[in-house]
Amino acid sequence: MLALAGDVHGRQILDAGCGSGPLAMALRTRGATVTGFDSSAAMVELARQRLGEEAELHVADLGQPLPFADGAFDDVVASLVLHYLQDWTGPLAELRRVLRPGGRLILSVHHPLIFKLMNPEADYFALTEWSDAYTFSGQPAVLSYWHRPLHAMTDAFTEAGFRVAVVSEPPVSAETPRELLPPHLKGRRSFISFIFFVLDAN
């Protein structure tokens, strides 16, 4: 996300679905003025602890009108957010509304092939809800996502008034410790996980 954002010094950036604020912190360190929101009040509180009491953070739902003026931001970042939503129409329209003309929406979601790889009998072309089990700090959790094929993603972007500028399937960062990489990679530095987009606001 940071590589795609590039030089953000002096830019007004909205972190949509900011979680506990690591991306907002990194962007702010690089000279951006960052506003964040998340639907989880607990996550916003964690972000406030990370970013400080002066940080502009909001509890807001991307499925509802956002509490920001039209054209308020140069960029919006949405890291691993949209794949939790069944309907992208309203959220993309709101993110487009708060961007200045020529602004950018930089986002990442699950690569659409993930669902098919994990569910070989599934229909790749169908909008489908799916779940996966995780363990966080010893606590089991089930996260649910919405799979949509690649063409449905790009159709949604263009219908919301965006132009697809970049589609990225980056390799693992060179700084990643080898012990954190999936063992089945056998020395490869790339694998299917997330897909990244830079969208220009027309």
N, C-alpha and C. Protein backbone atom coordinates (compact mmCIF):
# COMPACT_ATOMS: atom_id res chain seq x y z
N MET A 1 0.83 -1.20 0.00
CA MET A 1 0.00 0.00 0.00
C MET A 1 0.87 1.26 0.00
N LEU A 2 1.92 1.25 0.81
CA LEU A 2 2.80 2.42 0.89
C LEU A 2 3.54 2.64 -0.41
N ALA A 3 3.99 1.56 -1.03
CA ALA A 3 4.69 1.71 -2.31
C ALA A 3 3.78 2.29 -3.37
N LEU A 4 2.53 1.86 -3.39
CA LEU A 4 1.58 2.38 -4.37
C LEU A 4 1.23 3.83 -4.09
N ALA A 5 1.19 4.20 -2.82
CA ALA A 5 0.87 5.58 -2.46
C ALA A 5 1.99 6.53 -2.88
N GLY A 6 3.23 6.05 -2.83
CA GLY A 6 4.34 6.89 -3.25
C GLY A 6 4.58 8.06 -2.30
N ASP A 7 4.95 9.20 -2.87
CA ASP A 7 5.24 10.40 -2.07
C ASP A 7 3.92 11.02 -1.62
N VAL A 8 3.65 10.97 -0.34
CA VAL A 8 2.38 11.48 0.19
C VAL A 8 2.58 12.74 1.01
N HIS A 9 3.77 13.30 1.01
CA HIS A 9 4.04 14.49 1.83
C HIS A 9 3.06 15.61 1.47
N GLY A 10 2.39 16.14 2.48
CA GLY A 10 1.46 17.24 2.29
C GLY A 10 0.09 16.85 1.80
N ARG A 11 -0.16 15.57 1.57
CA ARG A 11 -1.45 15.15 1.03
C ARG A 11 -2.44 14.87 2.16
N GLN A 12 -3.71 15.15 1.91
CA GLN A 12 -4.79 14.84 2.83
C GLN A 12 -5.29 13.44 2.48
N ILE A 13 -5.19 12.50 3.42
CA ILE A 13 -5.52 11.11 3.13
C ILE A 13 -6.56 10.60 4.12
N LEU A 14 -7.54 9.88 3.60
CA LEU A 14 -8.54 9.20 4.42
C LEU A 14 -8.20 7.72 4.46
N ASP A 15 -8.05 7.18 5.68
CA ASP A 15 -7.83 5.75 5.87
C ASP A 15 -9.18 5.12 6.19
N ALA A 16 -9.76 4.49 5.18
CA ALA A 16 -11.09 3.89 5.30
C ALA A 16 -10.97 2.48 5.87
N GLY A 17 -11.60 2.24 7.02
CA GLY A 17 -11.43 0.97 7.71
C GLY A 17 -10.04 0.91 8.30
N CYS A 18 -9.70 1.90 9.10
CA CYS A 18 -8.32 2.09 9.56
C CYS A 18 -7.87 1.05 10.57
N GLY A 19 -8.79 0.28 11.17
CA GLY A 19 -8.40 -0.70 12.17
C GLY A 19 -7.66 -0.03 13.31
N SER A 20 -6.57 -0.64 13.75
CA SER A 20 -5.82 -0.09 14.87
C SER A 20 -4.80 0.96 14.44
N GLY A 21 -4.79 1.34 13.18
CA GLY A 21 -4.05 2.50 12.72
C GLY A 21 -2.63 2.32 12.21
N PRO A 22 -2.14 1.11 11.88
CA PRO A 22 -0.75 1.02 11.42
C PRO A 22 -0.50 1.71 10.09
N LEU A 23 -1.43 1.62 9.14
CA LEU A 23 -1.24 2.27 7.86
C LEU A 23 -1.32 3.79 8.02
N ALA A 24 -2.26 4.25 8.82
CA ALA A 24 -2.37 5.69 9.08
C ALA A 24 -1.08 6.23 9.69
N MET A 25 -0.51 5.49 10.62
CA MET A 25 0.74 5.92 11.24
C MET A 25 1.87 6.00 10.22
N ALA A 26 1.96 4.99 9.36
CA ALA A 26 3.02 4.98 8.35
C ALA A 26 2.86 6.14 7.37
N LEU A 27 1.64 6.44 6.98
CA LEU A 27 1.39 7.55 6.06
C LEU A 27 1.69 8.88 6.73
N ARG A 28 1.31 9.00 7.99
CA ARG A 28 1.58 10.23 8.73
C ARG A 28 3.09 10.44 8.89
N THR A 29 3.82 9.36 9.15
CA THR A 29 5.28 9.44 9.27
C THR A 29 5.91 9.94 7.98
N ARG A 30 5.26 9.65 6.85
CA ARG A 30 5.77 10.07 5.55
C ARG A 30 5.28 11.46 5.16
N GLY A 31 4.63 12.16 6.07
CA GLY A 31 4.28 13.55 5.83
C GLY A 31 2.86 13.84 5.43
N ALA A 32 1.99 12.82 5.41
CA ALA A 32 0.58 13.04 5.07
C ALA A 32 -0.20 13.50 6.29
N THR A 33 -1.29 14.19 6.04
CA THR A 33 -2.28 14.47 7.07
C THR A 33 -3.37 13.42 6.93
N VAL A 34 -3.53 12.58 7.95
CA VAL A 34 -4.38 11.39 7.83
C VAL A 34 -5.60 11.49 8.74
N THR A 35 -6.75 11.21 8.17
CA THR A 35 -8.00 11.04 8.90
C THR A 35 -8.39 9.58 8.77
N GLY A 36 -8.87 8.98 9.85
CA GLY A 36 -9.23 7.57 9.78
C GLY A 36 -10.62 7.32 10.32
N PHE A 37 -11.21 6.23 9.83
CA PHE A 37 -12.47 5.78 10.42
C PHE A 37 -12.55 4.26 10.36
N ASP A 38 -13.32 3.71 11.27
CA ASP A 38 -13.58 2.28 11.30
C ASP A 38 -14.96 2.08 11.90
N SER A 39 -15.61 0.99 11.53
CA SER A 39 -16.94 0.71 12.08
C SER A 39 -16.87 0.19 13.51
N SER A 40 -15.68 -0.22 13.94
CA SER A 40 -15.49 -0.77 15.28
C SER A 40 -14.96 0.31 16.22
N ALA A 41 -15.73 0.63 17.24
CA ALA A 41 -15.27 1.61 18.23
C ALA A 41 -14.02 1.12 18.95
N ALA A 42 -13.91 -0.18 19.17
CA ALA A 42 -12.73 -0.74 19.84
C ALA A 42 -11.48 -0.54 18.98
N MET A 43 -11.61 -0.74 17.67
CA MET A 43 -10.47 -0.51 16.78
C MET A 43 -10.08 0.96 16.74
N VAL A 44 -11.07 1.83 16.73
CA VAL A 44 -10.77 3.26 16.72
C VAL A 44 -10.03 3.65 18.00
N GLU A 45 -10.40 3.06 19.13
CA GLU A 45 -9.71 3.35 20.38
C GLU A 45 -8.25 2.86 20.31
N LEU A 46 -8.02 1.70 19.72
CA LEU A 46 -6.64 1.22 19.54
C LEU A 46 -5.86 2.15 18.62
N ALA A 47 -6.52 2.64 17.57
CA ALA A 47 -5.86 3.58 16.67
C ALA A 47 -5.52 4.87 17.40
N ARG A 48 -6.40 5.31 18.28
CA ARG A 48 -6.14 6.53 19.03
C ARG A 48 -4.94 6.35 19.96
N GLN A 49 -4.83 5.17 20.56
CA GLN A 49 -3.67 4.89 21.41
C GLN A 49 -2.38 4.93 20.59
N ARG A 50 -2.45 4.46 19.35
CA ARG A 50 -1.27 4.43 18.48
C ARG A 50 -0.93 5.83 17.97
N LEU A 51 -1.95 6.58 17.57
CA LEU A 51 -1.75 7.83 16.85
C LEU A 51 -1.79 9.06 17.74
N GLY A 52 -2.32 8.92 18.96
CA GLY A 52 -2.41 10.05 19.86
C GLY A 52 -3.80 10.66 19.90
N GLU A 53 -4.07 11.36 20.98
CA GLU A 53 -5.41 11.93 21.19
C GLU A 53 -5.77 12.98 20.16
N GLU A 54 -4.75 13.61 19.55
CA GLU A 54 -5.04 14.67 18.59
C GLU A 54 -5.45 14.13 17.22
N ALA A 55 -5.30 12.83 16.99
CA ALA A 55 -5.61 12.24 15.69
C ALA A 55 -7.09 12.38 15.37
N GLU A 56 -7.39 12.66 14.11
CA GLU A 56 -8.79 12.77 13.68
C GLU A 56 -9.30 11.39 13.29
N LEU A 57 -10.01 10.77 14.21
CA LEU A 57 -10.52 9.41 14.03
C LEU A 57 -12.01 9.39 14.31
N HIS A 58 -12.72 8.58 13.55
CA HIS A 58 -14.17 8.53 13.65
C HIS A 58 -14.65 7.08 13.67
N VAL A 59 -15.76 6.85 14.35
CA VAL A 59 -16.48 5.59 14.21
C VAL A 59 -17.52 5.82 13.12
N ALA A 60 -17.39 5.12 12.02
CA ALA A 60 -18.29 5.31 10.88
C ALA A 60 -18.37 4.02 10.10
N ASP A 61 -19.51 3.82 9.45
CA ASP A 61 -19.77 2.60 8.69
C ASP A 61 -19.68 2.93 7.21
N LEU A 62 -18.84 2.21 6.50
CA LEU A 62 -18.67 2.45 5.06
C LEU A 62 -19.94 2.18 4.28
N GLY A 63 -20.88 1.46 4.88
CA GLY A 63 -22.16 1.21 4.22
C GLY A 63 -23.15 2.35 4.36
N GLN A 64 -22.75 3.41 5.09
CA GLN A 64 -23.61 4.57 5.32
C GLN A 64 -22.91 5.83 4.82
N PRO A 65 -23.64 6.95 4.67
CA PRO A 65 -22.98 8.20 4.30
C PRO A 65 -21.88 8.56 5.29
N LEU A 66 -20.74 8.98 4.77
CA LEU A 66 -19.59 9.28 5.61
C LEU A 66 -19.62 10.73 6.09
N PRO A 67 -19.06 11.00 7.28
CA PRO A 67 -19.13 12.35 7.87
C PRO A 67 -18.04 13.28 7.35
N PHE A 68 -17.85 13.31 6.03
CA PHE A 68 -16.81 14.14 5.44
C PHE A 68 -17.39 14.91 4.26
N ALA A 69 -16.82 16.08 4.01
CA ALA A 69 -17.31 16.92 2.93
C ALA A 69 -16.92 16.36 1.57
N ASP A 70 -17.66 16.78 0.55
CA ASP A 70 -17.29 16.42 -0.82
C ASP A 70 -15.88 16.92 -1.13
N GLY A 71 -15.09 16.08 -1.79
CA GLY A 71 -13.77 16.50 -2.23
C GLY A 71 -12.81 16.87 -1.13
N ALA A 72 -12.95 16.24 0.04
CA ALA A 72 -12.12 16.62 1.19
C ALA A 72 -10.71 16.03 1.16
N PHE A 73 -10.48 15.00 0.34
CA PHE A 73 -9.22 14.26 0.42
C PHE A 73 -8.54 14.13 -0.94
N ASP A 74 -7.19 14.12 -0.87
CA ASP A 74 -6.40 13.85 -2.06
C ASP A 74 -6.38 12.37 -2.39
N ASP A 75 -6.34 11.54 -1.35
CA ASP A 75 -6.28 10.09 -1.52
C ASP A 75 -7.17 9.43 -0.47
N VAL A 76 -7.67 8.26 -0.82
CA VAL A 76 -8.30 7.36 0.14
C VAL A 76 -7.54 6.04 0.06
N VAL A 77 -7.21 5.49 1.22
CA VAL A 77 -6.64 4.14 1.27
C VAL A 77 -7.66 3.24 1.97
N ALA A 78 -7.81 2.04 1.43
CA ALA A 78 -8.74 1.05 2.01
C ALA A 78 -8.04 -0.30 1.94
N SER A 79 -7.35 -0.64 3.02
CA SER A 79 -6.55 -1.85 3.05
C SER A 79 -7.35 -3.00 3.63
N LEU A 80 -7.65 -4.01 2.79
CA LEU A 80 -8.36 -5.22 3.21
C LEU A 80 -9.67 -4.88 3.90
N VAL A 81 -10.48 -4.09 3.21
CA VAL A 81 -11.76 -3.63 3.74
C VAL A 81 -12.93 -4.11 2.89
N LEU A 82 -12.87 -3.85 1.58
CA LEU A 82 -14.05 -4.07 0.74
C LEU A 82 -14.48 -5.52 0.67
N HIS A 83 -13.56 -6.47 0.84
CA HIS A 83 -13.99 -7.87 0.72
C HIS A 83 -14.88 -8.34 1.87
N TYR A 84 -15.08 -7.49 2.88
CA TYR A 84 -16.05 -7.80 3.94
C TYR A 84 -17.46 -7.37 3.56
N LEU A 85 -17.61 -6.65 2.45
CA LEU A 85 -18.90 -6.04 2.09
C LEU A 85 -19.54 -6.77 0.92
N GLN A 86 -20.82 -7.04 1.05
CA GLN A 86 -21.56 -7.68 -0.04
C GLN A 86 -21.79 -6.70 -1.18
N ASP A 87 -22.16 -5.48 -0.85
CA ASP A 87 -22.50 -4.48 -1.86
C ASP A 87 -21.43 -3.40 -1.88
N TRP A 88 -20.81 -3.19 -3.02
CA TRP A 88 -19.79 -2.16 -3.14
C TRP A 88 -20.33 -0.84 -3.70
N THR A 89 -21.57 -0.83 -4.15
CA THR A 89 -22.08 0.36 -4.87
C THR A 89 -22.06 1.61 -4.00
N GLY A 90 -22.72 1.55 -2.85
CA GLY A 90 -22.76 2.71 -1.95
C GLY A 90 -21.39 3.08 -1.41
N PRO A 91 -20.62 2.11 -0.89
CA PRO A 91 -19.30 2.45 -0.37
C PRO A 91 -18.38 3.11 -1.40
N LEU A 92 -18.34 2.58 -2.63
CA LEU A 92 -17.47 3.19 -3.64
C LEU A 92 -17.95 4.58 -4.03
N ALA A 93 -19.27 4.76 -4.06
CA ALA A 93 -19.81 6.09 -4.36
C ALA A 93 -19.40 7.10 -3.29
N GLU A 94 -19.44 6.69 -2.02
CA GLU A 94 -19.04 7.58 -0.94
C GLU A 94 -17.54 7.89 -0.99
N LEU A 95 -16.73 6.88 -1.26
CA LEU A 95 -15.30 7.12 -1.34
C LEU A 95 -14.98 8.03 -2.52
N ARG A 96 -15.70 7.88 -3.62
CA ARG A 96 -15.52 8.78 -4.77
C ARG A 96 -15.96 10.19 -4.41
N ARG A 97 -17.05 10.32 -3.65
CA ARG A 97 -17.57 11.64 -3.29
C ARG A 97 -16.57 12.45 -2.47
N VAL A 98 -15.89 11.79 -1.53
CA VAL A 98 -14.99 12.54 -0.63
C VAL A 98 -13.62 12.81 -1.26
N LEU A 99 -13.38 12.27 -2.46
CA LEU A 99 -12.11 12.52 -3.16
C LEU A 99 -12.20 13.77 -4.03
N ARG A 100 -11.12 14.51 -4.06
CA ARG A 100 -11.02 15.63 -4.99
C ARG A 100 -10.90 15.10 -6.41
N PRO A 101 -11.33 15.86 -7.41
CA PRO A 101 -11.12 15.43 -8.79
C PRO A 101 -9.65 15.14 -9.04
N GLY A 102 -9.38 13.98 -9.62
CA GLY A 102 -8.01 13.56 -9.84
C GLY A 102 -7.40 12.85 -8.65
N GLY A 103 -8.16 12.70 -7.57
CA GLY A 103 -7.67 11.97 -6.41
C GLY A 103 -7.57 10.48 -6.68
N ARG A 104 -7.03 9.76 -5.69
CA ARG A 104 -6.80 8.33 -5.87
C ARG A 104 -7.44 7.53 -4.75
N LEU A 105 -8.02 6.40 -5.13
CA LEU A 105 -8.41 5.38 -4.18
C LEU A 105 -7.42 4.23 -4.33
N ILE A 106 -6.69 3.94 -3.25
CA ILE A 106 -5.68 2.88 -3.25
C ILE A 106 -6.21 1.79 -2.33
N LEU A 107 -6.40 0.58 -2.86
CA LEU A 107 -7.06 -0.44 -2.06
C LEU A 107 -6.45 -1.81 -2.28
N SER A 108 -6.69 -2.67 -1.30
CA SER A 108 -6.31 -4.08 -1.40
C SER A 108 -7.46 -4.93 -0.92
N VAL A 109 -7.62 -6.08 -1.58
CA VAL A 109 -8.64 -7.06 -1.21
C VAL A 109 -8.06 -8.45 -1.43
N HIS A 110 -8.77 -9.46 -0.96
CA HIS A 110 -8.36 -10.82 -1.28
C HIS A 110 -8.30 -10.99 -2.79
N HIS A 111 -7.27 -11.65 -3.26
CA HIS A 111 -7.20 -11.98 -4.69
C HIS A 111 -8.40 -12.88 -5.01
N PRO A 112 -9.11 -12.63 -6.11
CA PRO A 112 -10.30 -13.44 -6.39
C PRO A 112 -10.03 -14.92 -6.60
N LEU A 113 -8.80 -15.29 -6.89
CA LEU A 113 -8.49 -16.71 -7.05
C LEU A 113 -8.44 -17.46 -5.72
N ILE A 114 -8.25 -16.73 -4.61
CA ILE A 114 -8.15 -17.38 -3.30
C ILE A 114 -9.37 -18.26 -3.03
N PHE A 115 -10.56 -17.68 -3.26
CA PHE A 115 -11.80 -18.40 -3.00
C PHE A 115 -11.87 -19.68 -3.81
N LYS A 116 -11.51 -19.61 -5.08
CA LYS A 116 -11.57 -20.78 -5.95
C LYS A 116 -10.52 -21.82 -5.54
N LEU A 117 -9.34 -21.38 -5.15
CA LEU A 117 -8.32 -22.32 -4.71
C LEU A 117 -8.73 -23.05 -3.45
N MET A 118 -9.40 -22.34 -2.55
CA MET A 118 -9.83 -22.94 -1.29
C MET A 118 -11.12 -23.74 -1.44
N ASN A 119 -11.88 -23.44 -2.51
CA ASN A 119 -13.17 -24.11 -2.75
C ASN A 119 -13.24 -24.52 -4.22
N PRO A 120 -12.54 -25.59 -4.61
CA PRO A 120 -12.42 -25.94 -6.03
C PRO A 120 -13.75 -26.16 -6.74
N GLU A 121 -14.78 -26.58 -6.01
CA GLU A 121 -16.07 -26.85 -6.65
C GLU A 121 -16.94 -25.60 -6.77
N ALA A 122 -16.50 -24.50 -6.21
CA ALA A 122 -17.31 -23.28 -6.19
C ALA A 122 -17.34 -22.61 -7.57
N ASP A 123 -18.35 -21.78 -7.76
CA ASP A 123 -18.50 -21.01 -8.99
C ASP A 123 -17.70 -19.71 -8.85
N TYR A 124 -16.59 -19.60 -9.54
CA TYR A 124 -15.75 -18.41 -9.47
C TYR A 124 -16.53 -17.16 -9.82
N PHE A 125 -17.49 -17.26 -10.74
CA PHE A 125 -18.17 -16.08 -11.26
C PHE A 125 -19.34 -15.60 -10.41
N ALA A 126 -19.66 -16.31 -9.34
CA ALA A 126 -20.80 -15.95 -8.50
C ALA A 126 -20.34 -15.13 -7.30
N LEU A 127 -21.11 -14.09 -6.96
CA LEU A 127 -20.90 -13.36 -5.72
C LEU A 127 -21.26 -14.30 -4.57
N THR A 128 -20.28 -14.62 -3.73
CA THR A 128 -20.46 -15.69 -2.74
C THR A 128 -19.85 -15.30 -1.41
N GLU A 129 -20.59 -15.52 -0.34
CA GLU A 129 -20.05 -15.32 0.99
C GLU A 129 -19.30 -16.58 1.42
N TRP A 130 -18.12 -16.41 2.04
CA TRP A 130 -17.37 -17.55 2.53
C TRP A 130 -16.67 -17.17 3.83
N SER A 131 -16.31 -18.17 4.60
CA SER A 131 -15.72 -17.94 5.91
C SER A 131 -14.45 -18.76 6.07
N ASP A 132 -13.59 -18.28 6.97
CA ASP A 132 -12.36 -18.99 7.27
C ASP A 132 -12.08 -18.84 8.76
N ALA A 133 -11.50 -19.87 9.36
CA ALA A 133 -11.22 -19.89 10.80
C ALA A 133 -9.78 -19.48 11.05
N TYR A 134 -9.59 -18.69 12.11
CA TYR A 134 -8.27 -18.20 12.49
C TYR A 134 -8.11 -18.34 14.00
N THR A 135 -6.87 -18.18 14.47
CA THR A 135 -6.60 -18.08 15.89
C THR A 135 -5.77 -16.82 16.11
N PHE A 136 -6.28 -15.91 16.92
CA PHE A 136 -5.60 -14.66 17.23
C PHE A 136 -5.28 -14.64 18.72
N SER A 137 -3.99 -14.63 19.03
CA SER A 137 -3.54 -14.62 20.44
C SER A 137 -4.22 -15.73 21.23
N GLY A 138 -4.33 -16.90 20.62
CA GLY A 138 -4.92 -18.05 21.30
C GLY A 138 -6.43 -18.11 21.28
N GLN A 139 -7.07 -17.11 20.69
CA GLN A 139 -8.53 -17.06 20.65
C GLN A 139 -9.03 -17.43 19.25
N PRO A 140 -9.92 -18.42 19.17
CA PRO A 140 -10.45 -18.78 17.84
C PRO A 140 -11.41 -17.70 17.33
N ALA A 141 -11.41 -17.53 16.03
CA ALA A 141 -12.30 -16.56 15.40
C ALA A 141 -12.63 -17.03 14.00
N VAL A 142 -13.82 -16.67 13.54
CA VAL A 142 -14.24 -16.96 12.18
C VAL A 142 -14.51 -15.63 11.48
N LEU A 143 -13.84 -15.40 10.36
CA LEU A 143 -14.05 -14.19 9.57
C LEU A 143 -14.79 -14.56 8.29
N SER A 144 -15.74 -13.73 7.92
CA SER A 144 -16.53 -13.97 6.71
C SER A 144 -16.24 -12.88 5.68
N TYR A 145 -16.17 -13.30 4.44
CA TYR A 145 -15.81 -12.42 3.33
C TYR A 145 -16.81 -12.61 2.18
N TRP A 146 -16.75 -11.68 1.24
CA TRP A 146 -17.52 -11.80 0.01
C TRP A 146 -16.58 -11.93 -1.17
N HIS A 147 -16.68 -13.05 -1.85
CA HIS A 147 -15.91 -13.26 -3.08
C HIS A 147 -16.65 -12.65 -4.25
N ARG A 148 -15.93 -11.95 -5.10
CA ARG A 148 -16.46 -11.49 -6.39
C ARG A 148 -15.35 -11.66 -7.42
N PRO A 149 -15.72 -12.04 -8.64
CA PRO A 149 -14.70 -12.23 -9.68
C PRO A 149 -14.06 -10.90 -10.06
N LEU A 150 -12.92 -10.99 -10.70
CA LEU A 150 -12.16 -9.78 -11.04
C LEU A 150 -12.98 -8.81 -11.88
N HIS A 151 -13.72 -9.33 -12.85
CA HIS A 151 -14.48 -8.42 -13.71
C HIS A 151 -15.54 -7.67 -12.92
N ALA A 152 -16.10 -8.30 -11.89
CA ALA A 152 -17.10 -7.62 -11.07
C ALA A 152 -16.45 -6.49 -10.26
N MET A 153 -15.22 -6.69 -9.83
CA MET A 153 -14.50 -5.62 -9.13
C MET A 153 -14.30 -4.43 -10.05
N THR A 154 -13.73 -4.68 -11.23
CA THR A 154 -13.42 -3.57 -12.13
C THR A 154 -14.69 -2.90 -12.65
N ASP A 155 -15.75 -3.67 -12.86
CA ASP A 155 -17.03 -3.06 -13.25
C ASP A 155 -17.52 -2.11 -12.17
N ALA A 156 -17.42 -2.54 -10.90
CA ALA A 156 -17.86 -1.70 -9.79
C ALA A 156 -17.04 -0.41 -9.72
N PHE A 157 -15.74 -0.53 -9.97
CA PHE A 157 -14.89 0.66 -9.93
C PHE A 157 -15.30 1.67 -11.01
N THR A 158 -15.47 1.19 -12.22
CA THR A 158 -15.78 2.12 -13.31
C THR A 158 -17.19 2.70 -13.15
N GLU A 159 -18.13 1.91 -12.66
CA GLU A 159 -19.48 2.42 -12.44
C GLU A 159 -19.52 3.50 -11.38
N ALA A 160 -18.56 3.47 -10.45
CA ALA A 160 -18.49 4.48 -9.39
C ALA A 160 -17.73 5.73 -9.84
N GLY A 161 -17.21 5.74 -11.07
CA GLY A 161 -16.52 6.91 -11.57
C GLY A 161 -15.02 6.88 -11.43
N PHE A 162 -14.46 5.68 -11.28
CA PHE A 162 -13.01 5.54 -11.18
C PHE A 162 -12.43 4.98 -12.47
N ARG A 163 -11.18 5.30 -12.71
CA ARG A 163 -10.41 4.69 -13.79
C ARG A 163 -9.33 3.83 -13.16
N VAL A 164 -9.23 2.58 -13.59
CA VAL A 164 -8.21 1.68 -13.04
C VAL A 164 -6.85 2.09 -13.59
N ALA A 165 -5.97 2.56 -12.70
CA ALA A 165 -4.63 3.00 -13.11
C ALA A 165 -3.59 1.92 -12.91
N VAL A 166 -3.73 1.14 -11.83
CA VAL A 166 -2.74 0.11 -11.51
C VAL A 166 -3.46 -1.11 -10.96
N VAL A 167 -3.06 -2.28 -11.42
CA VAL A 167 -3.42 -3.56 -10.81
C VAL A 167 -2.11 -4.22 -10.43
N SER A 168 -1.96 -4.58 -9.14
CA SER A 168 -0.68 -5.08 -8.67
C SER A 168 -0.85 -6.39 -7.91
N GLU A 169 0.05 -7.34 -8.22
CA GLU A 169 0.14 -8.61 -7.50
C GLU A 169 1.58 -8.73 -7.02
N PRO A 170 1.96 -7.95 -6.00
CA PRO A 170 3.37 -7.80 -5.68
C PRO A 170 3.97 -9.03 -5.03
N PRO A 171 5.29 -9.19 -5.17
CA PRO A 171 5.97 -10.26 -4.43
C PRO A 171 6.07 -9.90 -2.96
N VAL A 172 6.46 -10.85 -2.16
CA VAL A 172 6.69 -10.62 -0.75
C VAL A 172 7.80 -9.58 -0.58
N SER A 173 7.64 -8.71 0.39
CA SER A 173 8.67 -7.71 0.66
C SER A 173 10.00 -8.40 0.93
N ALA A 174 11.07 -7.82 0.41
CA ALA A 174 12.40 -8.38 0.61
C ALA A 174 12.80 -8.40 2.07
N GLU A 175 12.15 -7.55 2.90
CA GLU A 175 12.48 -7.48 4.32
C GLU A 175 11.75 -8.53 5.15
N THR A 176 10.85 -9.30 4.54
CA THR A 176 10.08 -10.28 5.29
C THR A 176 10.97 -11.41 5.79
N PRO A 177 11.00 -11.68 7.10
CA PRO A 177 11.78 -12.82 7.60
C PRO A 177 11.27 -14.13 6.99
N ARG A 178 12.20 -14.99 6.59
CA ARG A 178 11.82 -16.22 5.91
C ARG A 178 10.90 -17.09 6.76
N GLU A 179 11.06 -17.05 8.08
CA GLU A 179 10.23 -17.89 8.94
C GLU A 179 8.76 -17.48 8.94
N LEU A 180 8.46 -16.27 8.43
CA LEU A 180 7.07 -15.83 8.34
C LEU A 180 6.41 -16.24 7.03
N LEU A 181 7.19 -16.74 6.09
CA LEU A 181 6.64 -17.11 4.79
C LEU A 181 6.05 -18.52 4.85
N PRO A 182 4.97 -18.77 4.09
CA PRO A 182 4.41 -20.12 4.06
C PRO A 182 5.46 -21.15 3.64
N PRO A 183 5.59 -22.27 4.35
CA PRO A 183 6.67 -23.22 4.05
C PRO A 183 6.57 -23.85 2.67
N HIS A 184 5.36 -23.92 2.10
CA HIS A 184 5.21 -24.58 0.80
C HIS A 184 5.77 -23.76 -0.35
N LEU A 185 6.19 -22.52 -0.11
CA LEU A 185 6.70 -21.70 -1.20
C LEU A 185 8.02 -22.22 -1.75
N LYS A 186 8.81 -22.89 -0.91
CA LYS A 186 10.07 -23.51 -1.35
C LYS A 186 10.97 -22.51 -2.09
N GLY A 187 11.16 -21.36 -1.47
CA GLY A 187 12.08 -20.39 -2.02
C GLY A 187 11.46 -19.35 -2.93
N ARG A 188 10.22 -19.54 -3.37
CA ARG A 188 9.58 -18.53 -4.21
C ARG A 188 9.28 -17.28 -3.37
N ARG A 189 9.27 -16.11 -4.01
CA ARG A 189 8.99 -14.86 -3.31
C ARG A 189 7.61 -14.32 -3.62
N SER A 190 6.82 -15.02 -4.42
CA SER A 190 5.48 -14.55 -4.77
C SER A 190 4.48 -15.68 -4.56
N PHE A 191 3.28 -15.30 -4.14
CA PHE A 191 2.20 -16.26 -4.05
C PHE A 191 0.88 -15.50 -4.08
N ILE A 192 -0.19 -16.19 -4.43
CA ILE A 192 -1.49 -15.53 -4.55
C ILE A 192 -2.05 -15.30 -3.16
N SER A 193 -2.32 -14.04 -2.85
CA SER A 193 -2.89 -13.69 -1.55
C SER A 193 -3.81 -12.48 -1.71
N PHE A 194 -3.23 -11.31 -1.90
CA PHE A 194 -4.02 -10.09 -2.06
C PHE A 194 -3.78 -9.50 -3.45
N ILE A 195 -4.73 -8.69 -3.87
CA ILE A 195 -4.59 -7.94 -5.11
C ILE A 195 -4.79 -6.47 -4.77
N PHE A 196 -4.01 -5.61 -5.41
CA PHE A 196 -3.98 -4.19 -5.10
C PHE A 196 -4.39 -3.38 -6.32
N PHE A 197 -5.08 -2.28 -6.08
CA PHE A 197 -5.53 -1.40 -7.16
C PHE A 197 -5.21 0.05 -6.79
N VAL A 198 -4.85 0.82 -7.80
CA VAL A 198 -4.87 2.27 -7.71
C VAL A 198 -5.92 2.76 -8.69
N LEU A 199 -6.91 3.49 -8.18
CA LEU A 199 -8.01 3.98 -8.98
C LEU A 199 -7.98 5.50 -9.00
N ASP A 200 -8.07 6.08 -10.19
CA ASP A 200 -8.12 7.53 -10.33
C ASP A 200 -9.57 8.00 -10.35
N ALA A 201 -9.84 9.06 -9.61
CA ALA A 201 -11.18 9.65 -9.59
C ALA A 201 -11.34 10.54 -10.82
N ASN A 202 -12.16 10.11 -11.75
CA ASN A 202 -12.36 10.86 -12.99
C ASN A 202 -13.13 12.15 -12.71
